[in-house]
Amino acid sequence: MKSFVVYFGAALAEIGGCYAFWAWLRLGKSTLWLVPGGLLLATFAGLLTLVDSDNAGRAYAAYGGIYITSALLWLWAVEGVRPDRWDLGGAALCLAGAAAILLGPHRA
């Protein structure tokens, strides 16, 4: 359970950091947006090291499902676009995959 909380925190930091760059490049915001963007991206990278996994690749693979779901939540909460049934179905598949990767009985 701790890993999923860390993953969602990492996703929020990554999406927020990337959005700051998006705002600067695509929305014409000030270059000052790059400061919190860079800090958020560094926070994202640091949070991923807290996941209970012996292998970085497996931790990153499982994170993918959480990231996709979080991006759709961002789409809804920040951009005001409600995810449709295809978005939700895809997110459910991704979360199932992330759970299999993270919780599966892997060989050492």
N, C-alpha and C. Protein backbone atom coordinates (compact mmCIF):
# COMPACT_ATOMS: atom_id res chain seq x y z
N MET A 1 0.82 -1.20 0.00
CA MET A 1 0.00 0.00 0.00
C MET A 1 0.86 1.26 0.00
N LYS A 2 1.98 1.21 0.76
CA LYS A 2 2.88 2.36 0.81
C LYS A 2 3.38 2.70 -0.59
N SER A 3 3.67 1.69 -1.38
CA SER A 3 4.19 1.93 -2.73
C SER A 3 3.18 2.69 -3.59
N PHE A 4 1.91 2.35 -3.48
CA PHE A 4 0.91 3.06 -4.28
C PHE A 4 0.80 4.52 -3.86
N VAL A 5 0.92 4.80 -2.57
CA VAL A 5 0.89 6.19 -2.09
C VAL A 5 2.09 6.95 -2.64
N VAL A 6 3.27 6.32 -2.58
CA VAL A 6 4.48 6.95 -3.12
C VAL A 6 4.32 7.17 -4.62
N TYR A 7 3.79 6.17 -5.33
CA TYR A 7 3.59 6.30 -6.76
C TYR A 7 2.66 7.47 -7.11
N PHE A 8 1.57 7.62 -6.39
CA PHE A 8 0.65 8.72 -6.68
C PHE A 8 1.30 10.07 -6.37
N GLY A 9 2.09 10.13 -5.30
CA GLY A 9 2.85 11.36 -5.02
C GLY A 9 3.84 11.68 -6.13
N ALA A 10 4.53 10.64 -6.60
CA ALA A 10 5.49 10.82 -7.69
C ALA A 10 4.77 11.27 -8.96
N ALA A 11 3.62 10.69 -9.22
CA ALA A 11 2.86 11.06 -10.42
C ALA A 11 2.42 12.52 -10.34
N LEU A 12 1.95 12.94 -9.20
CA LEU A 12 1.53 14.34 -9.05
C LEU A 12 2.71 15.27 -9.26
N ALA A 13 3.88 14.91 -8.71
CA ALA A 13 5.07 15.74 -8.89
C ALA A 13 5.51 15.76 -10.35
N GLU A 14 5.49 14.61 -11.01
CA GLU A 14 5.91 14.56 -12.41
C GLU A 14 4.96 15.34 -13.31
N ILE A 15 3.68 15.12 -13.13
CA ILE A 15 2.71 15.82 -13.97
C ILE A 15 2.76 17.32 -13.71
N GLY A 16 2.86 17.71 -12.45
CA GLY A 16 2.97 19.13 -12.13
C GLY A 16 4.23 19.75 -12.72
N GLY A 17 5.35 19.05 -12.63
CA GLY A 17 6.59 19.54 -13.21
C GLY A 17 6.52 19.67 -14.71
N CYS A 18 5.98 18.65 -15.35
CA CYS A 18 5.83 18.69 -16.81
C CYS A 18 4.83 19.77 -17.22
N TYR A 19 3.78 19.94 -16.45
CA TYR A 19 2.79 20.97 -16.76
C TYR A 19 3.41 22.37 -16.68
N ALA A 20 4.32 22.56 -15.73
CA ALA A 20 4.99 23.86 -15.63
C ALA A 20 5.77 24.16 -16.91
N PHE A 21 6.45 23.17 -17.46
CA PHE A 21 7.16 23.35 -18.72
C PHE A 21 6.17 23.59 -19.86
N TRP A 22 5.07 22.84 -19.85
CA TRP A 22 4.01 23.02 -20.86
C TRP A 22 3.48 24.46 -20.81
N ALA A 23 3.23 24.94 -19.59
CA ALA A 23 2.69 26.30 -19.43
C ALA A 23 3.66 27.33 -19.98
N TRP A 24 4.95 27.12 -19.74
CA TRP A 24 5.95 28.05 -20.24
C TRP A 24 6.03 28.02 -21.77
N LEU A 25 6.14 26.81 -22.34
CA LEU A 25 6.34 26.69 -23.78
C LEU A 25 5.07 26.85 -24.60
N ARG A 26 3.97 26.33 -24.10
CA ARG A 26 2.75 26.29 -24.92
C ARG A 26 1.72 27.35 -24.54
N LEU A 27 1.75 27.79 -23.29
CA LEU A 27 0.75 28.75 -22.84
C LEU A 27 1.30 30.15 -22.65
N GLY A 28 2.60 30.31 -22.92
CA GLY A 28 3.21 31.63 -22.84
C GLY A 28 3.43 32.16 -21.43
N LYS A 29 3.51 31.27 -20.45
CA LYS A 29 3.75 31.71 -19.07
C LYS A 29 5.21 32.14 -18.90
N SER A 30 5.48 32.80 -17.82
CA SER A 30 6.82 33.30 -17.50
C SER A 30 7.83 32.16 -17.36
N THR A 31 9.10 32.48 -17.60
CA THR A 31 10.15 31.48 -17.39
C THR A 31 10.27 31.10 -15.92
N LEU A 32 9.69 31.89 -15.04
CA LEU A 32 9.70 31.54 -13.61
C LEU A 32 8.97 30.23 -13.34
N TRP A 33 8.09 29.83 -14.25
CA TRP A 33 7.40 28.55 -14.11
C TRP A 33 8.39 27.38 -14.14
N LEU A 34 9.58 27.59 -14.71
CA LEU A 34 10.57 26.52 -14.80
C LEU A 34 11.16 26.15 -13.44
N VAL A 35 11.16 27.09 -12.51
CA VAL A 35 11.73 26.81 -11.18
C VAL A 35 10.91 25.76 -10.44
N PRO A 36 9.61 25.98 -10.22
CA PRO A 36 8.86 24.91 -9.56
C PRO A 36 8.78 23.65 -10.42
N GLY A 37 8.79 23.82 -11.74
CA GLY A 37 8.77 22.66 -12.62
C GLY A 37 9.97 21.76 -12.39
N GLY A 38 11.15 22.36 -12.33
CA GLY A 38 12.37 21.59 -12.08
C GLY A 38 12.38 20.95 -10.71
N LEU A 39 11.92 21.69 -9.70
CA LEU A 39 11.85 21.14 -8.34
C LEU A 39 10.88 19.96 -8.25
N LEU A 40 9.76 20.10 -8.92
CA LEU A 40 8.78 19.01 -8.92
C LEU A 40 9.32 17.77 -9.63
N LEU A 41 10.04 17.96 -10.72
CA LEU A 41 10.61 16.81 -11.43
C LEU A 41 11.69 16.13 -10.59
N ALA A 42 12.48 16.90 -9.84
CA ALA A 42 13.47 16.31 -8.94
C ALA A 42 12.77 15.55 -7.80
N THR A 43 11.67 16.10 -7.31
CA THR A 43 10.88 15.43 -6.27
C THR A 43 10.34 14.10 -6.79
N PHE A 44 9.83 14.11 -8.01
CA PHE A 44 9.34 12.89 -8.65
C PHE A 44 10.42 11.81 -8.67
N ALA A 45 11.61 12.15 -9.11
CA ALA A 45 12.69 11.17 -9.19
C ALA A 45 13.06 10.63 -7.81
N GLY A 46 13.09 11.52 -6.83
CA GLY A 46 13.41 11.09 -5.47
C GLY A 46 12.35 10.17 -4.88
N LEU A 47 11.10 10.47 -5.14
CA LEU A 47 10.02 9.64 -4.61
C LEU A 47 10.07 8.22 -5.16
N LEU A 48 10.44 8.08 -6.42
CA LEU A 48 10.48 6.72 -6.99
C LEU A 48 11.51 5.83 -6.30
N THR A 49 12.52 6.43 -5.66
CA THR A 49 13.51 5.62 -4.95
C THR A 49 12.95 5.05 -3.65
N LEU A 50 11.79 5.53 -3.21
CA LEU A 50 11.18 5.06 -1.96
C LEU A 50 10.28 3.84 -2.14
N VAL A 51 10.06 3.42 -3.37
CA VAL A 51 9.18 2.29 -3.63
C VAL A 51 9.85 1.00 -3.19
N ASP A 52 9.05 0.10 -2.60
CA ASP A 52 9.55 -1.19 -2.14
C ASP A 52 9.78 -2.13 -3.32
N SER A 53 10.94 -2.01 -3.94
CA SER A 53 11.30 -2.87 -5.06
C SER A 53 12.81 -3.01 -5.08
N ASP A 54 13.28 -4.21 -5.39
CA ASP A 54 14.72 -4.42 -5.48
C ASP A 54 15.28 -4.00 -6.83
N ASN A 55 14.42 -3.75 -7.79
CA ASN A 55 14.86 -3.43 -9.14
C ASN A 55 14.22 -2.14 -9.62
N ALA A 56 15.05 -1.23 -10.09
CA ALA A 56 14.55 0.06 -10.57
C ALA A 56 13.61 -0.12 -11.76
N GLY A 57 13.96 -0.98 -12.69
CA GLY A 57 13.13 -1.18 -13.87
C GLY A 57 11.73 -1.65 -13.53
N ARG A 58 11.63 -2.55 -12.55
CA ARG A 58 10.31 -3.03 -12.14
C ARG A 58 9.52 -1.93 -11.45
N ALA A 59 10.20 -1.13 -10.63
CA ALA A 59 9.53 -0.01 -9.96
C ALA A 59 9.00 0.98 -10.99
N TYR A 60 9.80 1.27 -12.03
CA TYR A 60 9.37 2.21 -13.06
C TYR A 60 8.24 1.64 -13.90
N ALA A 61 8.30 0.35 -14.19
CA ALA A 61 7.24 -0.28 -14.99
C ALA A 61 5.90 -0.23 -14.26
N ALA A 62 5.91 -0.56 -12.98
CA ALA A 62 4.67 -0.51 -12.20
C ALA A 62 4.15 0.92 -12.09
N TYR A 63 5.07 1.87 -12.02
CA TYR A 63 4.69 3.28 -11.92
C TYR A 63 3.88 3.73 -13.14
N GLY A 64 4.14 3.14 -14.28
CA GLY A 64 3.46 3.55 -15.51
C GLY A 64 1.95 3.55 -15.38
N GLY A 65 1.39 2.51 -14.77
CA GLY A 65 -0.06 2.43 -14.60
C GLY A 65 -0.60 3.52 -13.69
N ILE A 66 0.14 3.80 -12.64
CA ILE A 66 -0.27 4.85 -11.71
C ILE A 66 -0.19 6.21 -12.40
N TYR A 67 0.86 6.41 -13.19
CA TYR A 67 1.03 7.67 -13.90
C TYR A 67 -0.13 7.92 -14.86
N ILE A 68 -0.50 6.92 -15.61
CA ILE A 68 -1.59 7.07 -16.58
C ILE A 68 -2.89 7.45 -15.88
N THR A 69 -3.19 6.78 -14.80
CA THR A 69 -4.40 7.08 -14.04
C THR A 69 -4.34 8.50 -13.47
N SER A 70 -3.19 8.87 -12.93
CA SER A 70 -3.03 10.21 -12.36
C SER A 70 -3.14 11.29 -13.43
N ALA A 71 -2.61 11.01 -14.63
CA ALA A 71 -2.71 11.98 -15.72
C ALA A 71 -4.17 12.22 -16.10
N LEU A 72 -4.98 11.17 -16.07
CA LEU A 72 -6.40 11.34 -16.37
C LEU A 72 -7.12 12.11 -15.26
N LEU A 73 -6.71 11.90 -14.02
CA LEU A 73 -7.27 12.70 -12.92
C LEU A 73 -6.88 14.16 -13.08
N TRP A 74 -5.65 14.42 -13.50
CA TRP A 74 -5.18 15.78 -13.77
C TRP A 74 -6.01 16.41 -14.88
N LEU A 75 -6.24 15.63 -15.93
CA LEU A 75 -7.04 16.09 -17.06
C LEU A 75 -8.39 16.61 -16.58
N TRP A 76 -8.99 15.87 -15.66
CA TRP A 76 -10.30 16.22 -15.14
C TRP A 76 -10.22 17.40 -14.16
N ALA A 77 -9.33 17.28 -13.16
CA ALA A 77 -9.28 18.27 -12.08
C ALA A 77 -8.69 19.61 -12.51
N VAL A 78 -7.65 19.59 -13.32
CA VAL A 78 -6.95 20.82 -13.66
C VAL A 78 -7.39 21.39 -15.00
N GLU A 79 -7.57 20.51 -15.99
CA GLU A 79 -7.90 20.99 -17.33
C GLU A 79 -9.41 21.00 -17.61
N GLY A 80 -10.19 20.45 -16.68
CA GLY A 80 -11.63 20.50 -16.81
C GLY A 80 -12.23 19.59 -17.88
N VAL A 81 -11.48 18.57 -18.30
CA VAL A 81 -11.97 17.64 -19.31
C VAL A 81 -12.25 16.31 -18.63
N ARG A 82 -13.50 15.90 -18.67
CA ARG A 82 -13.89 14.66 -18.00
C ARG A 82 -13.45 13.45 -18.83
N PRO A 83 -12.73 12.50 -18.21
CA PRO A 83 -12.33 11.29 -18.94
C PRO A 83 -13.56 10.51 -19.40
N ASP A 84 -13.48 9.91 -20.59
CA ASP A 84 -14.60 9.12 -21.10
C ASP A 84 -14.40 7.64 -20.73
N ARG A 85 -15.31 6.81 -21.18
CA ARG A 85 -15.27 5.39 -20.80
C ARG A 85 -14.01 4.71 -21.33
N TRP A 86 -13.48 5.16 -22.45
CA TRP A 86 -12.26 4.56 -22.99
C TRP A 86 -11.06 4.93 -22.12
N ASP A 87 -11.04 6.16 -21.65
CA ASP A 87 -9.99 6.58 -20.72
C ASP A 87 -10.05 5.74 -19.44
N LEU A 88 -11.24 5.59 -18.89
CA LEU A 88 -11.40 4.86 -17.64
C LEU A 88 -11.07 3.38 -17.80
N GLY A 89 -11.51 2.78 -18.90
CA GLY A 89 -11.19 1.38 -19.15
C GLY A 89 -9.70 1.17 -19.33
N GLY A 90 -9.06 2.06 -20.06
CA GLY A 90 -7.61 1.97 -20.24
C GLY A 90 -6.87 2.12 -18.93
N ALA A 91 -7.32 3.05 -18.10
CA ALA A 91 -6.69 3.25 -16.80
C ALA A 91 -6.85 2.01 -15.92
N ALA A 92 -8.03 1.39 -15.96
CA ALA A 92 -8.24 0.17 -15.17
C ALA A 92 -7.29 -0.94 -15.61
N LEU A 93 -7.11 -1.10 -16.91
CA LEU A 93 -6.15 -2.09 -17.42
C LEU A 93 -4.73 -1.78 -16.94
N CYS A 94 -4.37 -0.51 -16.99
CA CYS A 94 -3.03 -0.12 -16.56
C CYS A 94 -2.81 -0.36 -15.07
N LEU A 95 -3.83 -0.07 -14.26
CA LEU A 95 -3.71 -0.32 -12.83
C LEU A 95 -3.60 -1.81 -12.52
N ALA A 96 -4.33 -2.63 -13.26
CA ALA A 96 -4.20 -4.08 -13.08
C ALA A 96 -2.79 -4.54 -13.43
N GLY A 97 -2.25 -4.01 -14.50
CA GLY A 97 -0.88 -4.34 -14.88
C GLY A 97 0.13 -3.88 -13.85
N ALA A 98 -0.05 -2.67 -13.34
CA ALA A 98 0.85 -2.16 -12.31
C ALA A 98 0.80 -3.03 -11.05
N ALA A 99 -0.39 -3.44 -10.65
CA ALA A 99 -0.53 -4.31 -9.47
C ALA A 99 0.16 -5.66 -9.70
N ALA A 100 -0.01 -6.22 -10.89
CA ALA A 100 0.65 -7.51 -11.18
C ALA A 100 2.16 -7.37 -11.11
N ILE A 101 2.70 -6.29 -11.65
CA ILE A 101 4.15 -6.08 -11.63
C ILE A 101 4.64 -5.85 -10.23
N LEU A 102 3.95 -5.00 -9.49
CA LEU A 102 4.42 -4.62 -8.15
C LEU A 102 4.21 -5.72 -7.12
N LEU A 103 3.09 -6.41 -7.19
CA LEU A 103 2.74 -7.36 -6.13
C LEU A 103 3.00 -8.82 -6.48
N GLY A 104 3.38 -9.11 -7.71
CA GLY A 104 3.60 -10.48 -8.13
C GLY A 104 4.77 -11.14 -7.42
N PRO A 105 4.73 -12.48 -7.31
CA PRO A 105 5.82 -13.22 -6.63
C PRO A 105 7.03 -13.38 -7.55
N HIS A 106 7.86 -12.37 -7.62
CA HIS A 106 9.02 -12.39 -8.51
C HIS A 106 10.14 -13.23 -7.92
N ARG A 107 10.90 -13.84 -8.82
CA ARG A 107 12.11 -14.56 -8.39
C ARG A 107 13.18 -13.55 -8.05
N ALA A 108 14.02 -13.87 -7.13
CA ALA A 108 15.10 -12.95 -6.69
C ALA A 108 16.18 -12.80 -7.70
